Amino acid sequence: MLPTLRSSLPYSMAVAVAAFALFYFLPDFNWPQQVYVVIGVLLCGILMPVLLDVKGPAVPPSSAELAVDYNGDTATLYVGNLPYRANEDAVKELFQRFGVVINVRLMKDRQTGRRRGFGFVEVAAKDSAKMINKLNDFEFQERTLKVREAKERQDDDNQSE
């Protein structure tokens, strides 16, 4: 459900019930049906934005919308077999279900700029094991993710020795 629809739904229902009660209990004015439609449109078209503006959203912001300011130990997770259409926000939202996410980096091909199907997620160290357990072999956008702790990058100089 869209966030704007989710936030306005309680108010829409309240206005609909109030309009129904108003027209049900008032004496019949024998107005044409078009007048009732215009009144309904005015109620929902004018009163609804006023209510939303004054009251604010009915649903608190999700954890994906809150900024993360984490100062503890962190761990970096490797995430492989990502769908090429997945973006950083979608991956962050998925991982935030299981803990604190500090940063998401999805790798791109330098020449084409297209995603390469893997990335790294920096998370709170205390949540990393839980995320690995929950999200390794997890079905995400029709692909089975591979999640494990990232290995330190090895320089080419160290490999030749």
N, C-alpha and C. Protein backbone atom coordinates (compact mmCIF):
# COMPACT_ATOMS: atom_id res chain seq x y z
N MET A 1 0.85 -1.17 0.00
CA MET A 1 0.00 0.00 0.00
C MET A 1 0.90 1.24 0.00
N LEU A 2 0.53 2.22 -0.79
CA LEU A 2 1.31 3.45 -0.87
C LEU A 2 1.30 4.18 0.47
N PRO A 3 2.40 4.80 0.85
CA PRO A 3 2.44 5.51 2.14
C PRO A 3 1.40 6.63 2.23
N THR A 4 1.18 7.36 1.13
CA THR A 4 0.20 8.44 1.19
C THR A 4 -1.20 7.89 1.37
N LEU A 5 -1.49 6.78 0.69
CA LEU A 5 -2.81 6.16 0.86
C LEU A 5 -2.96 5.60 2.26
N ARG A 6 -1.89 4.98 2.78
CA ARG A 6 -1.93 4.42 4.11
C ARG A 6 -2.18 5.50 5.16
N SER A 7 -1.56 6.66 4.97
CA SER A 7 -1.72 7.72 5.96
C SER A 7 -3.07 8.40 5.85
N SER A 8 -3.69 8.41 4.67
CA SER A 8 -4.97 9.11 4.52
C SER A 8 -6.16 8.19 4.71
N LEU A 9 -5.97 6.89 4.74
CA LEU A 9 -7.09 5.95 4.82
C LEU A 9 -7.94 6.14 6.07
N PRO A 10 -7.39 6.28 7.27
CA PRO A 10 -8.26 6.48 8.44
C PRO A 10 -9.12 7.73 8.33
N TYR A 11 -8.54 8.79 7.78
CA TYR A 11 -9.30 10.03 7.63
C TYR A 11 -10.39 9.88 6.57
N SER A 12 -10.07 9.19 5.49
CA SER A 12 -11.08 8.96 4.46
C SER A 12 -12.26 8.19 5.02
N MET A 13 -11.97 7.18 5.81
CA MET A 13 -13.04 6.39 6.42
C MET A 13 -13.87 7.24 7.38
N ALA A 14 -13.22 8.09 8.16
CA ALA A 14 -13.94 8.95 9.10
C ALA A 14 -14.84 9.92 8.36
N VAL A 15 -14.35 10.52 7.28
CA VAL A 15 -15.17 11.45 6.50
C VAL A 15 -16.34 10.72 5.85
N ALA A 16 -16.10 9.51 5.35
CA ALA A 16 -17.17 8.74 4.71
C ALA A 16 -18.27 8.40 5.73
N VAL A 17 -17.88 7.99 6.93
CA VAL A 17 -18.87 7.66 7.97
C VAL A 17 -19.62 8.92 8.39
N ALA A 18 -18.90 10.03 8.55
CA ALA A 18 -19.56 11.28 8.93
C ALA A 18 -20.54 11.74 7.85
N ALA A 19 -20.15 11.63 6.58
CA ALA A 19 -21.05 12.03 5.49
C ALA A 19 -22.27 11.12 5.45
N PHE A 20 -22.07 9.82 5.64
CA PHE A 20 -23.20 8.90 5.65
C PHE A 20 -24.17 9.25 6.78
N ALA A 21 -23.64 9.46 7.97
CA ALA A 21 -24.50 9.79 9.12
C ALA A 21 -25.22 11.11 8.89
N LEU A 22 -24.54 12.08 8.34
CA LEU A 22 -25.14 13.39 8.07
C LEU A 22 -26.32 13.26 7.11
N PHE A 23 -26.12 12.57 6.02
CA PHE A 23 -27.18 12.46 5.03
C PHE A 23 -28.25 11.45 5.43
N TYR A 24 -27.94 10.51 6.28
CA TYR A 24 -28.92 9.52 6.70
C TYR A 24 -29.89 10.11 7.72
N PHE A 25 -29.35 10.91 8.66
CA PHE A 25 -30.19 11.43 9.72
C PHE A 25 -30.83 12.78 9.40
N LEU A 26 -30.35 13.48 8.42
CA LEU A 26 -30.97 14.75 8.03
C LEU A 26 -32.27 14.47 7.28
N PRO A 27 -33.20 15.39 7.34
CA PRO A 27 -34.43 15.19 6.57
C PRO A 27 -34.11 15.19 5.08
N ASP A 28 -34.94 14.52 4.34
CA ASP A 28 -34.74 14.41 2.90
C ASP A 28 -35.04 15.75 2.24
N PHE A 29 -34.07 16.31 1.56
CA PHE A 29 -34.22 17.60 0.91
C PHE A 29 -34.71 17.46 -0.52
N ASN A 30 -34.81 16.24 -1.01
CA ASN A 30 -35.18 15.98 -2.40
C ASN A 30 -34.25 16.68 -3.39
N TRP A 31 -32.99 16.73 -3.04
CA TRP A 31 -31.99 17.30 -3.94
C TRP A 31 -31.65 16.26 -5.00
N PRO A 32 -31.23 16.73 -6.15
CA PRO A 32 -30.80 15.76 -7.16
C PRO A 32 -29.52 15.05 -6.70
N GLN A 33 -29.32 13.92 -7.25
CA GLN A 33 -28.18 13.08 -6.85
C GLN A 33 -26.85 13.79 -7.09
N GLN A 34 -26.77 14.63 -8.11
CA GLN A 34 -25.53 15.34 -8.42
C GLN A 34 -25.11 16.26 -7.27
N VAL A 35 -26.05 16.83 -6.55
CA VAL A 35 -25.73 17.72 -5.44
C VAL A 35 -25.02 16.93 -4.34
N TYR A 36 -25.51 15.73 -4.06
CA TYR A 36 -24.87 14.89 -3.04
C TYR A 36 -23.45 14.51 -3.47
N VAL A 37 -23.25 14.25 -4.75
CA VAL A 37 -21.91 13.93 -5.25
C VAL A 37 -20.98 15.12 -5.08
N VAL A 38 -21.47 16.32 -5.42
CA VAL A 38 -20.65 17.52 -5.27
C VAL A 38 -20.29 17.74 -3.79
N ILE A 39 -21.25 17.55 -2.90
CA ILE A 39 -20.98 17.70 -1.47
C ILE A 39 -19.93 16.69 -1.02
N GLY A 40 -20.04 15.45 -1.48
CA GLY A 40 -19.06 14.41 -1.13
C GLY A 40 -17.68 14.75 -1.65
N VAL A 41 -17.60 15.25 -2.89
CA VAL A 41 -16.31 15.63 -3.46
C VAL A 41 -15.71 16.79 -2.68
N LEU A 42 -16.53 17.76 -2.32
CA LEU A 42 -16.02 18.90 -1.56
C LEU A 42 -15.52 18.46 -0.19
N LEU A 43 -16.29 17.57 0.45
CA LEU A 43 -15.87 17.07 1.77
C LEU A 43 -14.52 16.36 1.67
N CYS A 44 -14.42 15.44 0.72
CA CYS A 44 -13.19 14.65 0.60
C CYS A 44 -12.07 15.43 -0.07
N GLY A 45 -12.40 16.36 -0.96
CA GLY A 45 -11.37 17.10 -1.67
C GLY A 45 -10.83 18.29 -0.90
N ILE A 46 -11.63 18.84 0.02
CA ILE A 46 -11.18 20.00 0.78
C ILE A 46 -10.89 19.62 2.23
N LEU A 47 -11.80 18.90 2.84
CA LEU A 47 -11.64 18.55 4.24
C LEU A 47 -10.50 17.56 4.45
N MET A 48 -10.34 16.61 3.54
CA MET A 48 -9.30 15.59 3.70
C MET A 48 -7.89 16.20 3.71
N PRO A 49 -7.53 17.04 2.72
CA PRO A 49 -6.18 17.63 2.80
C PRO A 49 -5.98 18.50 4.04
N VAL A 50 -7.02 19.17 4.49
CA VAL A 50 -6.91 19.98 5.70
C VAL A 50 -6.63 19.09 6.90
N LEU A 51 -7.36 17.98 7.00
CA LEU A 51 -7.14 17.04 8.10
C LEU A 51 -5.73 16.46 8.06
N LEU A 52 -5.27 16.08 6.89
CA LEU A 52 -3.93 15.50 6.76
C LEU A 52 -2.86 16.52 7.09
N ASP A 53 -3.08 17.76 6.69
CA ASP A 53 -2.08 18.79 6.95
C ASP A 53 -2.01 19.13 8.43
N VAL A 54 -3.15 19.17 9.10
CA VAL A 54 -3.20 19.52 10.51
C VAL A 54 -2.76 18.36 11.39
N LYS A 55 -3.26 17.17 11.10
CA LYS A 55 -3.03 16.01 11.95
C LYS A 55 -1.69 15.35 11.67
N GLY A 56 -1.21 15.38 10.44
CA GLY A 56 0.03 14.69 10.09
C GLY A 56 -0.27 13.25 9.72
N PRO A 57 0.74 12.47 9.37
CA PRO A 57 0.50 11.09 8.96
C PRO A 57 -0.01 10.24 10.11
N ALA A 58 -0.95 9.32 9.79
CA ALA A 58 -1.53 8.44 10.79
C ALA A 58 -0.60 7.29 11.14
N VAL A 59 0.30 6.95 10.22
CA VAL A 59 1.20 5.83 10.41
C VAL A 59 2.59 6.36 10.73
N PRO A 60 3.24 5.88 11.79
CA PRO A 60 4.59 6.35 12.09
C PRO A 60 5.55 5.93 10.99
N PRO A 61 6.63 6.65 10.77
CA PRO A 61 7.57 6.27 9.72
C PRO A 61 8.19 4.92 10.01
N SER A 62 8.42 4.16 8.95
CA SER A 62 9.01 2.84 9.11
C SER A 62 10.50 2.99 9.44
N SER A 63 11.10 1.88 9.82
CA SER A 63 12.53 1.92 10.16
C SER A 63 13.37 2.25 8.94
N ALA A 64 12.86 1.95 7.73
CA ALA A 64 13.60 2.27 6.51
C ALA A 64 13.67 3.77 6.29
N GLU A 65 12.70 4.52 6.81
CA GLU A 65 12.67 5.96 6.61
C GLU A 65 13.46 6.71 7.67
N LEU A 66 13.81 6.05 8.76
CA LEU A 66 14.56 6.70 9.83
C LEU A 66 16.05 6.65 9.51
N ALA A 67 16.74 7.73 9.80
CA ALA A 67 18.17 7.77 9.57
C ALA A 67 18.88 6.95 10.65
N VAL A 68 19.93 6.26 10.24
CA VAL A 68 20.67 5.41 11.18
C VAL A 68 21.90 6.17 11.65
N ASP A 69 22.03 6.30 12.96
CA ASP A 69 23.20 6.91 13.57
C ASP A 69 23.73 5.91 14.59
N TYR A 70 24.58 5.01 14.12
CA TYR A 70 25.06 3.90 14.95
C TYR A 70 26.54 4.10 15.23
N ASN A 71 26.92 3.94 16.49
CA ASN A 71 28.31 4.16 16.89
C ASN A 71 29.02 2.91 17.38
N GLY A 72 28.38 1.75 17.39
CA GLY A 72 29.00 0.53 17.91
C GLY A 72 29.87 -0.17 16.87
N ASP A 73 30.24 -1.42 17.19
CA ASP A 73 31.03 -2.24 16.28
C ASP A 73 30.20 -2.59 15.06
N THR A 74 30.88 -2.66 13.91
CA THR A 74 30.18 -2.98 12.67
C THR A 74 30.80 -4.21 12.03
N ALA A 75 30.03 -4.83 11.16
CA ALA A 75 30.50 -5.95 10.36
C ALA A 75 30.04 -5.72 8.93
N THR A 76 30.79 -6.24 7.98
CA THR A 76 30.42 -6.10 6.58
C THR A 76 30.02 -7.46 6.06
N LEU A 77 28.85 -7.52 5.45
CA LEU A 77 28.33 -8.76 4.89
C LEU A 77 28.42 -8.71 3.37
N TYR A 78 28.83 -9.82 2.78
CA TYR A 78 28.81 -9.98 1.33
C TYR A 78 27.44 -10.49 0.95
N VAL A 79 26.83 -9.91 -0.06
CA VAL A 79 25.52 -10.35 -0.55
C VAL A 79 25.68 -10.67 -2.02
N GLY A 80 25.53 -11.94 -2.36
CA GLY A 80 25.68 -12.38 -3.74
C GLY A 80 24.37 -12.83 -4.34
N ASN A 81 24.37 -12.99 -5.66
CA ASN A 81 23.21 -13.43 -6.44
C ASN A 81 22.05 -12.44 -6.33
N LEU A 82 22.40 -11.15 -6.23
CA LEU A 82 21.37 -10.11 -6.19
C LEU A 82 20.75 -9.94 -7.57
N PRO A 83 19.46 -9.65 -7.63
CA PRO A 83 18.86 -9.32 -8.92
C PRO A 83 19.49 -8.03 -9.46
N TYR A 84 19.66 -7.96 -10.77
CA TYR A 84 20.30 -6.78 -11.35
C TYR A 84 19.43 -5.53 -11.21
N ARG A 85 18.13 -5.70 -11.05
CA ARG A 85 17.22 -4.55 -10.91
C ARG A 85 17.15 -4.04 -9.46
N ALA A 86 17.72 -4.78 -8.50
CA ALA A 86 17.67 -4.36 -7.09
C ALA A 86 18.53 -3.11 -6.90
N ASN A 87 18.03 -2.18 -6.09
CA ASN A 87 18.80 -0.98 -5.79
C ASN A 87 19.17 -0.97 -4.31
N GLU A 88 19.93 0.03 -3.91
CA GLU A 88 20.42 0.10 -2.53
C GLU A 88 19.27 0.20 -1.53
N ASP A 89 18.25 0.97 -1.86
CA ASP A 89 17.12 1.14 -0.94
C ASP A 89 16.38 -0.17 -0.70
N ALA A 90 16.17 -0.95 -1.75
CA ALA A 90 15.46 -2.23 -1.60
C ALA A 90 16.27 -3.20 -0.74
N VAL A 91 17.57 -3.25 -0.95
CA VAL A 91 18.43 -4.14 -0.17
C VAL A 91 18.48 -3.67 1.29
N LYS A 92 18.58 -2.36 1.49
CA LYS A 92 18.61 -1.83 2.85
C LYS A 92 17.31 -2.14 3.59
N GLU A 93 16.19 -1.98 2.91
CA GLU A 93 14.89 -2.28 3.53
C GLU A 93 14.80 -3.75 3.91
N LEU A 94 15.30 -4.64 3.07
CA LEU A 94 15.28 -6.07 3.37
C LEU A 94 16.12 -6.38 4.61
N PHE A 95 17.33 -5.85 4.68
CA PHE A 95 18.22 -6.15 5.79
C PHE A 95 17.77 -5.48 7.09
N GLN A 96 17.10 -4.34 6.99
CA GLN A 96 16.66 -3.64 8.20
C GLN A 96 15.57 -4.41 8.95
N ARG A 97 14.97 -5.37 8.33
CA ARG A 97 13.99 -6.20 9.04
C ARG A 97 14.64 -6.97 10.18
N PHE A 98 15.95 -7.20 10.06
CA PHE A 98 16.64 -8.06 11.02
C PHE A 98 17.68 -7.35 11.86
N GLY A 99 17.81 -6.03 11.71
CA GLY A 99 18.77 -5.31 12.52
C GLY A 99 19.14 -3.97 11.93
N VAL A 100 20.22 -3.40 12.48
CA VAL A 100 20.67 -2.06 12.09
C VAL A 100 21.55 -2.16 10.85
N VAL A 101 21.19 -1.36 9.84
CA VAL A 101 21.99 -1.28 8.61
C VAL A 101 22.61 0.10 8.54
N ILE A 102 23.92 0.15 8.37
CA ILE A 102 24.62 1.41 8.31
C ILE A 102 24.80 1.87 6.87
N ASN A 103 25.18 0.95 5.99
CA ASN A 103 25.50 1.34 4.62
C ASN A 103 25.27 0.16 3.69
N VAL A 104 24.88 0.45 2.44
CA VAL A 104 24.72 -0.57 1.40
C VAL A 104 25.50 -0.11 0.18
N ARG A 105 26.37 -0.98 -0.34
CA ARG A 105 27.12 -0.69 -1.56
C ARG A 105 26.89 -1.82 -2.55
N LEU A 106 26.24 -1.53 -3.65
CA LEU A 106 26.05 -2.53 -4.70
C LEU A 106 27.05 -2.24 -5.80
N MET A 107 27.76 -3.27 -6.23
CA MET A 107 28.84 -3.11 -7.19
C MET A 107 28.29 -2.96 -8.61
N LYS A 108 28.97 -2.07 -9.36
CA LYS A 108 28.60 -1.81 -10.75
C LYS A 108 29.81 -2.06 -11.64
N ASP A 109 29.55 -2.42 -12.87
CA ASP A 109 30.59 -2.58 -13.87
C ASP A 109 31.12 -1.20 -14.24
N ARG A 110 32.43 -1.04 -14.27
CA ARG A 110 33.01 0.29 -14.54
C ARG A 110 32.72 0.77 -15.96
N GLN A 111 32.69 -0.15 -16.91
CA GLN A 111 32.51 0.26 -18.30
C GLN A 111 31.05 0.51 -18.65
N THR A 112 30.17 -0.37 -18.22
CA THR A 112 28.76 -0.25 -18.62
C THR A 112 27.91 0.48 -17.59
N GLY A 113 28.34 0.49 -16.31
CA GLY A 113 27.55 1.13 -15.26
C GLY A 113 26.41 0.27 -14.76
N ARG A 114 26.31 -0.96 -15.27
CA ARG A 114 25.24 -1.86 -14.84
C ARG A 114 25.66 -2.61 -13.58
N ARG A 115 24.68 -2.96 -12.79
CA ARG A 115 24.96 -3.68 -11.54
C ARG A 115 25.53 -5.07 -11.86
N ARG A 116 26.39 -5.53 -10.96
CA ARG A 116 27.08 -6.81 -11.18
C ARG A 116 26.45 -7.98 -10.45
N GLY A 117 25.42 -7.73 -9.62
CA GLY A 117 24.72 -8.83 -8.96
C GLY A 117 25.25 -9.18 -7.58
N PHE A 118 26.11 -8.32 -7.04
CA PHE A 118 26.56 -8.54 -5.67
C PHE A 118 26.86 -7.20 -5.03
N GLY A 119 26.99 -7.23 -3.71
CA GLY A 119 27.28 -6.00 -2.99
C GLY A 119 27.67 -6.27 -1.56
N PHE A 120 27.82 -5.20 -0.80
CA PHE A 120 28.24 -5.30 0.59
C PHE A 120 27.30 -4.47 1.45
N VAL A 121 26.92 -5.02 2.59
CA VAL A 121 26.03 -4.35 3.52
C VAL A 121 26.76 -4.22 4.85
N GLU A 122 26.96 -2.99 5.29
CA GLU A 122 27.60 -2.74 6.58
C GLU A 122 26.50 -2.69 7.64
N VAL A 123 26.63 -3.54 8.65
CA VAL A 123 25.59 -3.69 9.66
C VAL A 123 26.21 -3.64 11.05
N ALA A 124 25.35 -3.55 12.06
CA ALA A 124 25.80 -3.63 13.44
C ALA A 124 26.33 -5.04 13.68
N ALA A 125 27.48 -5.16 14.33
CA ALA A 125 28.11 -6.46 14.54
C ALA A 125 27.20 -7.42 15.30
N LYS A 126 26.43 -6.88 16.23
CA LYS A 126 25.55 -7.74 17.04
C LYS A 126 24.42 -8.35 16.20
N ASP A 127 24.09 -7.75 15.05
CA ASP A 127 23.00 -8.25 14.21
C ASP A 127 23.49 -9.09 13.03
N SER A 128 24.80 -9.15 12.81
CA SER A 128 25.31 -9.78 11.59
C SER A 128 24.99 -11.28 11.53
N ALA A 129 25.18 -12.01 12.62
CA ALA A 129 24.91 -13.45 12.61
C ALA A 129 23.43 -13.73 12.34
N LYS A 130 22.57 -12.94 12.93
CA LYS A 130 21.13 -13.10 12.71
C LYS A 130 20.77 -12.85 11.25
N MET A 131 21.36 -11.81 10.66
CA MET A 131 21.09 -11.50 9.26
C MET A 131 21.59 -12.61 8.33
N ILE A 132 22.76 -13.14 8.64
CA ILE A 132 23.28 -14.24 7.82
C ILE A 132 22.35 -15.44 7.89
N ASN A 133 21.92 -15.79 9.11
CA ASN A 133 21.00 -16.94 9.28
C ASN A 133 19.69 -16.74 8.55
N LYS A 134 19.12 -15.55 8.65
CA LYS A 134 17.80 -15.30 8.08
C LYS A 134 17.84 -15.08 6.57
N LEU A 135 18.90 -14.45 6.07
CA LEU A 135 18.88 -14.02 4.67
C LEU A 135 19.71 -14.87 3.73
N ASN A 136 20.58 -15.74 4.24
CA ASN A 136 21.29 -16.66 3.34
C ASN A 136 20.28 -17.66 2.79
N ASP A 137 20.27 -17.85 1.50
CA ASP A 137 19.31 -18.69 0.78
C ASP A 137 17.89 -18.14 0.86
N PHE A 138 17.76 -16.84 1.05
CA PHE A 138 16.46 -16.16 1.09
C PHE A 138 16.06 -15.77 -0.33
N GLU A 139 14.80 -15.97 -0.67
CA GLU A 139 14.27 -15.61 -1.99
C GLU A 139 13.96 -14.12 -2.01
N PHE A 140 14.67 -13.36 -2.87
CA PHE A 140 14.50 -11.91 -2.98
C PHE A 140 14.39 -11.54 -4.44
N GLN A 141 13.25 -11.01 -4.82
CA GLN A 141 12.98 -10.62 -6.21
C GLN A 141 13.33 -11.74 -7.17
N GLU A 142 12.85 -12.93 -6.86
CA GLU A 142 12.99 -14.14 -7.68
C GLU A 142 14.43 -14.65 -7.80
N ARG A 143 15.30 -14.24 -6.88
CA ARG A 143 16.66 -14.75 -6.83
C ARG A 143 16.95 -15.23 -5.41
N THR A 144 17.77 -16.26 -5.29
CA THR A 144 18.16 -16.79 -3.98
C THR A 144 19.46 -16.14 -3.55
N LEU A 145 19.39 -15.35 -2.50
CA LEU A 145 20.55 -14.59 -2.02
C LEU A 145 21.58 -15.51 -1.37
N LYS A 146 22.82 -15.11 -1.48
CA LYS A 146 23.93 -15.73 -0.76
C LYS A 146 24.51 -14.65 0.15
N VAL A 147 24.40 -14.86 1.46
CA VAL A 147 24.85 -13.86 2.42
C VAL A 147 25.86 -14.51 3.35
N ARG A 148 27.02 -13.88 3.47
CA ARG A 148 28.06 -14.36 4.40
C ARG A 148 28.91 -13.18 4.81
N GLU A 149 29.73 -13.41 5.82
CA GLU A 149 30.61 -12.33 6.26
C GLU A 149 31.64 -12.07 5.17
N ALA A 150 31.87 -10.79 4.88
CA ALA A 150 32.80 -10.41 3.83
C ALA A 150 34.23 -10.68 4.28
N LYS A 151 35.04 -11.14 3.35
CA LYS A 151 36.46 -11.36 3.63
C LYS A 151 37.19 -10.07 3.37
N GLU A 152 38.31 -9.89 4.08
CA GLU A 152 39.14 -8.70 3.85
C GLU A 152 39.70 -8.77 2.44
N ARG A 153 39.78 -7.62 1.80
CA ARG A 153 40.32 -7.55 0.45
C ARG A 153 41.82 -7.83 0.50
N GLN A 154 42.27 -8.72 -0.38
CA GLN A 154 43.69 -9.06 -0.43
C GLN A 154 44.33 -8.30 -1.58
N ASP A 155 45.45 -7.69 -1.32
CA ASP A 155 46.18 -6.97 -2.35
C ASP A 155 46.88 -7.96 -3.27
N ASP A 156 47.12 -7.55 -4.51
CA ASP A 156 47.82 -8.43 -5.46
C ASP A 156 49.25 -8.68 -5.02
N ASP A 157 49.87 -7.76 -4.30
CA ASP A 157 51.26 -7.94 -3.85
C ASP A 157 51.36 -9.09 -2.86
N ASN A 158 50.37 -9.24 -1.97
CA ASN A 158 50.41 -10.29 -0.98
C ASN A 158 50.17 -11.66 -1.59
N GLN A 159 49.45 -11.74 -2.68
CA GLN A 159 49.13 -13.03 -3.29
C GLN A 159 50.34 -13.62 -4.01
N SER A 160 51.19 -12.78 -4.55
CA SER A 160 52.35 -13.29 -5.31
C SER A 160 53.46 -13.82 -4.41
N GLU A 161 53.45 -13.44 -3.15
CA GLU A 161 54.52 -13.90 -2.23
C GLU A 161 54.24 -15.23 -1.65
